[in-house]
């Protein structure tokens, strides 16, 4: 249980639950700044109890000496029942399936149940960039996370949007029809890896292809083709939302110099600015703070619907 500091700055304990690691940090109310970030792989956790113990350990490290703690906010991948605090994932972290994470964390930290809340990770990423990153000052914003798959989030005036003009169902674009398949078939790490393998007969991971690209023409072409598809999707599937800025995050965004020229060539005269995430791996943690402090004790923006798949980063 945390000891609350008198007359201290309000803060929230933020968690980012990723595909292989979990990170924790304190996010402060005044400017959404983060305290030290603590992370660890959760591959060793083979049970829900071990996973909750890991989050508790990281949270206690992150929250040591913090100010007035208003609770915990967790950025989580889907499918996840955000209102109930129950994971519905079976393809990853299967030992969390239908586990009441809210109650488990509340008991460990000494919080009331209402002090533990959950947010879709792509939504958290976008809120972080809106609050303290590349999307500050923009009214209509799209966030795309590029990694194993493609995650997406839409916001208007700082609030998440999953319905309305130009917003695809649930705010998701990964499964929209595209060139005989779906968007994620062409905009994902496997798309880059597959493109390179078709050209060379060799299979390499995206991070290795990015490192080799300066001297490997086939790697350059694989990233350029990825950028072409991304540009087409932004210029067609996202055009009706009339975004002022599209922020690109996720692991593949670190190689943005290899595909952004192809993206820009496709969007042509579309009046939208492309920006790469400023917060990078910290975006979702900051987004947890943005959601917590902007909503106060009231309900969060609905964000992603419970049963929608979200691409892993």
Protein backbone atom coordinates (compact mmCIF):
# COMPACT_ATOMS: atom_id res chain seq x y z
CA UNK A 1 0.00 0.00 0.00
CA UNK A 2 1.24 3.47 -0.85
CA UNK A 3 1.81 6.11 1.77
CA UNK A 4 0.29 9.36 0.53
CA UNK A 5 2.45 12.46 0.79
CA UNK A 6 0.78 15.54 2.36
CA UNK A 7 0.13 18.50 0.04
CA UNK A 8 1.96 16.72 -2.76
CA UNK A 9 1.22 16.81 -6.46
CA UNK A 10 -1.51 14.47 -7.62
CA UNK A 11 -0.33 11.49 -9.67
CA UNK A 12 -1.49 8.21 -11.10
CA UNK A 13 0.30 4.88 -11.37
CA UNK A 14 0.46 4.07 -15.09
CA UNK A 15 1.08 0.65 -16.62
CA UNK A 16 1.69 -0.33 -20.24
CA UNK A 17 1.06 -4.03 -20.80
CA UNK A 18 2.81 -5.01 -24.03
CA UNK A 19 3.22 -8.25 -25.91
CA UNK A 20 6.35 -9.28 -24.05
CA UNK A 21 7.03 -6.63 -21.40
CA UNK A 22 5.12 -4.56 -18.90
CA UNK A 23 6.23 -1.06 -17.90
CA UNK A 24 5.20 1.11 -14.96
CA UNK A 25 5.72 4.75 -14.05
CA UNK A 26 4.13 7.55 -12.08
CA UNK A 27 2.45 10.20 -14.26
CA UNK A 28 1.98 13.61 -12.64
CA UNK A 29 -1.10 15.75 -13.13
CA UNK A 30 0.50 19.13 -13.74
CA UNK A 31 2.16 18.42 -17.07
CA UNK A 32 1.80 14.65 -17.64
CA UNK A 33 5.48 14.14 -16.94
CA UNK A 34 6.63 10.66 -15.97
CA UNK A 35 8.75 9.52 -13.09
CA UNK A 36 11.35 6.78 -13.65
CA UNK A 37 10.06 3.94 -15.82
CA UNK A 38 10.45 0.38 -14.55
CA UNK A 39 9.89 -2.55 -16.89
CA UNK A 40 10.29 -6.30 -16.96
CA UNK A 41 9.43 -9.20 -19.27
CA UNK A 42 6.28 -11.03 -18.29
CA UNK A 43 7.29 -14.23 -20.07
CA UNK A 44 8.26 -15.78 -16.75
CA UNK A 45 4.76 -15.21 -15.36
CA UNK A 46 2.89 -18.46 -15.95
CA UNK A 47 -0.15 -17.66 -13.86
CA UNK A 48 -2.46 -14.75 -13.19
CA UNK A 49 -1.16 -14.50 -9.65
CA UNK A 50 2.46 -14.27 -10.84
CA UNK A 51 1.49 -11.62 -13.39
CA UNK A 52 -0.31 -9.53 -10.77
CA UNK A 53 2.67 -9.91 -8.43
CA UNK A 54 4.94 -8.61 -11.22
CA UNK A 55 2.73 -5.55 -11.74
CA UNK A 56 2.68 -4.95 -7.99
CA UNK A 57 6.47 -5.17 -7.79
CA UNK A 58 6.96 -2.72 -10.65
CA UNK A 59 4.27 -0.41 -9.33
CA UNK A 60 5.82 -0.24 -5.88
CA UNK A 61 9.18 0.64 -7.40
CA UNK A 62 7.64 3.31 -9.61
CA UNK A 63 5.48 4.77 -6.85
CA UNK A 64 8.12 4.97 -4.16
CA UNK A 65 8.19 8.52 -2.76
CA UNK A 66 5.42 9.71 -5.07
CA UNK A 67 2.78 12.32 -4.33
CA UNK A 68 -0.94 11.97 -3.82
CA UNK A 69 -1.81 8.73 -5.61
CA UNK A 70 -5.26 8.75 -7.20
CA UNK A 71 -5.08 5.13 -8.36
CA UNK A 72 -3.83 3.05 -11.26
CA UNK A 73 -4.50 3.19 -14.99
CA UNK A 74 -3.46 0.32 -17.27
CA UNK A 75 -3.00 0.43 -21.04
CA UNK A 76 -3.87 -3.06 -22.27
CA UNK A 77 -4.18 -4.85 -25.62
CA UNK A 78 -7.50 -6.25 -26.75
CA UNK A 79 -9.77 -8.00 -26.59
CA UNK A 80 -10.36 -6.74 -23.08
CA UNK A 81 -13.47 -5.84 -21.10
CA UNK A 82 -12.30 -2.38 -20.05
CA UNK A 83 -15.30 -1.69 -17.85
CA UNK A 84 -15.06 -4.95 -15.90
CA UNK A 85 -11.26 -5.07 -15.80
CA UNK A 86 -11.26 -8.57 -17.30
CA UNK A 87 -8.97 -9.82 -20.07
CA UNK A 88 -10.60 -11.66 -22.96
CA UNK A 89 -7.32 -12.51 -24.69
CA UNK A 90 -6.67 -16.16 -25.48
CA UNK A 91 -3.96 -15.88 -28.16
CA UNK A 92 -1.54 -14.16 -25.76
CA UNK A 93 -1.32 -14.02 -21.98
CA UNK A 94 -3.83 -16.90 -21.87
CA UNK A 95 -3.47 -17.26 -18.10
CA UNK A 96 -5.23 -13.88 -17.74
CA UNK A 97 -8.34 -14.99 -19.64
CA UNK A 98 -11.47 -13.92 -17.71
CA UNK A 99 -9.37 -13.01 -14.64
CA UNK A 100 -10.61 -10.04 -12.58
CA UNK A 101 -7.46 -7.93 -12.81
CA UNK A 102 -9.12 -4.90 -11.22
CA UNK A 103 -9.81 -6.74 -7.98
CA UNK A 104 -6.39 -8.40 -7.94
CA UNK A 105 -4.56 -5.11 -8.33
CA UNK A 106 -6.81 -3.22 -5.92
CA UNK A 107 -6.11 -5.79 -3.23
CA UNK A 108 -2.37 -5.68 -3.77
CA UNK A 109 -2.06 -1.89 -3.82
CA UNK A 110 -4.71 -1.09 -1.24
CA UNK A 111 -6.87 0.79 -3.75
CA UNK A 112 -10.64 0.90 -3.96
CA UNK A 113 -11.95 -0.99 -6.98
CA UNK A 114 -12.96 2.28 -8.67
CA UNK A 115 -9.35 3.49 -8.46
CA UNK A 116 -8.14 0.79 -10.90
CA UNK A 117 -9.08 1.51 -14.50
CA UNK A 118 -8.18 0.24 -17.97
CA UNK A 119 -7.62 1.76 -21.40
CA UNK A 120 -6.97 0.24 -24.82
CA UNK A 121 -3.26 0.55 -25.61
CA UNK A 122 -3.67 2.23 -29.02
CA UNK A 123 -6.04 4.75 -27.45
CA UNK A 124 -3.57 5.36 -24.63
CA UNK A 125 -0.77 5.93 -27.14
CA UNK A 126 -2.81 8.58 -28.98
CA UNK A 127 -3.90 10.34 -25.78
CA UNK A 128 -0.26 10.52 -24.73
CA UNK A 129 0.73 12.19 -27.98
CA UNK A 130 -2.22 14.60 -27.66
CA UNK A 131 -1.38 15.53 -24.09
CA UNK A 132 2.38 15.84 -24.26
CA UNK A 133 3.66 14.73 -27.66
CA UNK A 134 3.42 15.12 -31.41
CA UNK A 135 -0.34 15.81 -31.51
CA UNK A 136 -0.46 18.74 -29.08
CA UNK A 137 -2.62 21.59 -30.36
CA UNK A 138 -4.44 19.62 -33.07
CA UNK A 139 -8.23 19.15 -33.06
CA UNK A 140 -8.65 16.10 -35.29
CA UNK A 141 -6.00 13.45 -34.83
CA UNK A 142 -5.30 9.88 -35.95
CA UNK A 143 -2.73 7.68 -34.25
CA UNK A 144 -1.32 4.61 -36.01
CA UNK A 145 0.90 2.11 -34.22
CA UNK A 146 3.03 0.12 -36.64
CA UNK A 147 4.40 -3.19 -35.46
CA UNK A 148 3.33 -6.83 -35.57
CA UNK A 149 0.05 -5.39 -36.81
CA UNK A 150 -1.43 -1.93 -37.17
CA UNK A 151 -3.27 -0.31 -34.28
CA UNK A 152 -5.32 2.84 -34.73
CA UNK A 153 -7.08 5.49 -32.69
CA UNK A 154 -9.06 8.60 -33.57
CA UNK A 155 -9.65 11.72 -31.47
CA UNK A 156 -11.56 14.98 -31.79
CA UNK A 157 -10.79 17.87 -29.44
CA UNK A 158 -8.81 15.54 -27.20
CA UNK A 159 -11.57 12.94 -26.85
CA UNK A 160 -11.42 9.45 -28.34
CA UNK A 161 -13.79 8.75 -31.22
CA UNK A 162 -14.97 5.29 -32.30
CA UNK A 163 -18.03 6.43 -34.23
CA UNK A 164 -18.95 9.33 -36.48
CA UNK A 165 -18.06 10.63 -39.92
CA UNK A 166 -14.87 9.12 -41.27
CA UNK A 167 -14.27 6.83 -38.27
CA UNK A 168 -14.18 3.12 -39.20
CA UNK A 169 -16.13 0.69 -37.01
CA UNK A 170 -14.74 0.74 -33.49
CA UNK A 171 -11.93 3.07 -34.60
CA UNK A 172 -10.06 0.09 -36.09
CA UNK A 173 -8.49 -0.04 -39.57
CA UNK A 174 -6.53 -3.31 -39.36
CA UNK A 175 -9.38 -5.39 -40.81
CA UNK A 176 -10.67 -3.00 -43.47
CA UNK A 177 -10.79 -4.58 -46.97
CA UNK A 178 -7.71 -3.73 -49.02
CA UNK A 179 -6.30 -5.11 -52.29
CA UNK A 180 -7.98 -8.50 -51.99
CA UNK A 181 -7.12 -8.88 -48.33
CA UNK A 182 -7.18 -6.59 -45.32
CA UNK A 183 -5.07 -3.59 -44.36
CA UNK A 184 -2.95 -5.54 -41.87
CA UNK A 185 -1.81 -7.92 -44.63
CA UNK A 186 0.09 -5.01 -46.19
CA UNK A 187 0.92 -2.77 -43.22
CA UNK A 188 2.63 -4.90 -40.59
CA UNK A 189 6.03 -6.33 -39.77
CA UNK A 190 5.16 -9.58 -41.54
CA UNK A 191 4.39 -7.60 -44.70
CA UNK A 192 7.91 -6.12 -44.72
CA UNK A 193 9.52 -9.45 -43.88
CA UNK A 194 7.48 -11.24 -46.55
CA UNK A 195 8.26 -8.62 -49.18
CA UNK A 196 11.98 -9.00 -48.58
CA UNK A 197 11.77 -12.79 -48.58
CA UNK A 198 9.95 -12.77 -51.94
CA UNK A 199 12.69 -10.59 -53.41
CA UNK A 200 15.70 -12.43 -51.99
CA UNK A 201 14.60 -15.83 -50.71
CA UNK A 202 15.95 -14.79 -47.30
CA UNK A 203 13.97 -14.16 -44.15
CA UNK A 204 15.11 -11.42 -41.78
CA UNK A 205 13.42 -9.58 -38.95
CA UNK A 206 12.32 -5.98 -39.47
CA UNK A 207 14.94 -4.56 -37.13
CA UNK A 208 17.68 -6.33 -39.10
CA UNK A 209 16.24 -5.14 -42.41
CA UNK A 210 16.20 -1.55 -41.13
CA UNK A 211 19.84 -1.83 -40.13
CA UNK A 212 20.78 -3.35 -43.50
CA UNK A 213 18.73 -0.97 -45.65
CA UNK A 214 21.45 1.63 -46.33
CA UNK A 215 23.36 -0.99 -48.34
CA UNK A 216 20.61 -3.51 -49.17
CA UNK A 217 18.44 -2.47 -52.11
CA UNK A 218 15.86 -5.20 -51.48
CA UNK A 219 15.40 -4.00 -47.90
CA UNK A 220 14.94 -0.45 -49.17
CA UNK A 221 12.28 -1.67 -51.59
CA UNK A 222 10.46 -3.61 -48.86
CA UNK A 223 10.18 -0.50 -46.69
CA UNK A 224 9.22 1.64 -49.65
CA UNK A 225 6.41 -0.75 -50.58
CA UNK A 226 5.25 -0.71 -46.96
CA UNK A 227 5.18 3.10 -47.12
CA UNK A 228 3.25 3.06 -50.39
CA UNK A 229 0.48 0.96 -48.87
CA UNK A 230 0.43 3.10 -45.74
CA UNK A 231 0.12 6.22 -47.87
CA UNK A 232 -2.74 4.75 -49.89
CA UNK A 233 -4.62 3.80 -46.71
CA UNK A 234 -4.11 7.26 -45.19
CA UNK A 235 -5.13 8.94 -48.43
CA UNK A 236 -8.26 6.83 -48.98
CA UNK A 237 -9.52 4.98 -45.91
CA UNK A 238 -8.76 7.87 -43.54
CA UNK A 239 -9.49 10.81 -45.82
CA UNK A 240 -13.12 11.28 -44.74
CA UNK A 241 -12.09 11.84 -41.12
CA UNK A 242 -10.26 15.02 -42.21
CA UNK A 243 -7.44 14.58 -39.72
CA UNK A 244 -5.11 17.53 -39.23
CA UNK A 245 -2.28 15.23 -38.21
CA UNK A 246 -1.49 11.51 -38.32
CA UNK A 247 0.99 10.40 -35.67
CA UNK A 248 2.99 7.25 -36.37
CA UNK A 249 4.20 5.13 -33.47
CA UNK A 250 5.15 1.53 -32.74
CA UNK A 251 8.40 -0.26 -33.42
CA UNK A 252 8.42 0.23 -37.20
CA UNK A 253 8.12 4.01 -36.78
CA UNK A 254 11.75 4.01 -35.63
CA UNK A 255 12.65 3.34 -39.27
CA UNK A 256 10.40 6.14 -40.56
CA UNK A 257 13.14 7.59 -42.76
CA UNK A 258 12.94 4.41 -44.85
CA UNK A 259 9.22 4.64 -45.67
CA UNK A 260 7.95 8.20 -45.06
CA UNK A 261 8.94 9.46 -48.54
CA UNK A 262 6.73 6.74 -50.08
CA UNK A 263 3.87 7.65 -47.72
CA UNK A 264 4.09 11.33 -48.64
CA UNK A 265 4.16 10.51 -52.34
CA UNK A 266 0.81 8.73 -52.02
CA UNK A 267 -1.14 11.22 -49.91
CA UNK A 268 -0.46 13.96 -52.47
CA UNK A 269 -2.61 17.04 -51.89
CA UNK A 270 -4.40 15.64 -48.84
CA UNK A 271 -4.25 18.34 -46.18
CA UNK A 272 -2.77 16.31 -43.33
CA UNK A 273 0.52 16.50 -41.49
CA UNK A 274 2.51 13.34 -40.81
CA UNK A 275 4.46 13.18 -37.57
CA UNK A 276 6.46 10.47 -35.86
CA UNK A 277 5.75 9.84 -32.19
CA UNK A 278 7.65 12.12 -29.85
CA UNK A 279 7.06 9.99 -26.77
CA UNK A 280 7.78 6.61 -28.39
CA UNK A 281 7.75 3.83 -25.77
CA UNK A 282 6.45 6.23 -23.12
CA UNK A 283 3.37 7.35 -25.08
CA UNK A 284 0.94 4.84 -23.58
CA UNK A 285 2.15 5.56 -20.04
CA UNK A 286 1.60 9.28 -20.56
CA UNK A 287 -1.76 8.51 -22.16
CA UNK A 288 -2.84 6.72 -19.00
CA UNK A 289 -2.18 9.92 -17.09
CA UNK A 290 -4.00 12.04 -19.67
CA UNK A 291 -7.07 9.79 -19.45
CA UNK A 292 -7.03 9.71 -15.66
CA UNK A 293 -6.62 13.44 -15.07
CA UNK A 294 -8.87 14.71 -17.84
CA UNK A 295 -11.72 12.42 -16.84
CA UNK A 296 -11.22 12.78 -13.08
CA UNK A 297 -13.39 10.31 -11.22
CA UNK A 298 -15.94 10.15 -14.02
CA UNK A 299 -16.16 7.55 -16.78
CA UNK A 300 -13.36 7.33 -19.33
CA UNK A 301 -13.91 8.00 -23.00
CA UNK A 302 -15.33 4.71 -24.30
CA UNK A 303 -12.41 4.12 -26.66
CA UNK A 304 -12.12 0.70 -28.26
CA UNK A 305 -15.04 -1.65 -27.89
CA UNK A 306 -14.51 -4.67 -25.68
CA UNK A 307 -14.33 -7.37 -28.33
CA UNK A 308 -12.20 -5.67 -30.97
CA UNK A 309 -8.81 -7.15 -31.81
CA UNK A 310 -5.90 -4.76 -31.33
CA UNK A 311 -2.64 -5.30 -33.17
CA UNK A 312 0.29 -6.13 -30.90
CA UNK A 313 3.20 -3.70 -30.94
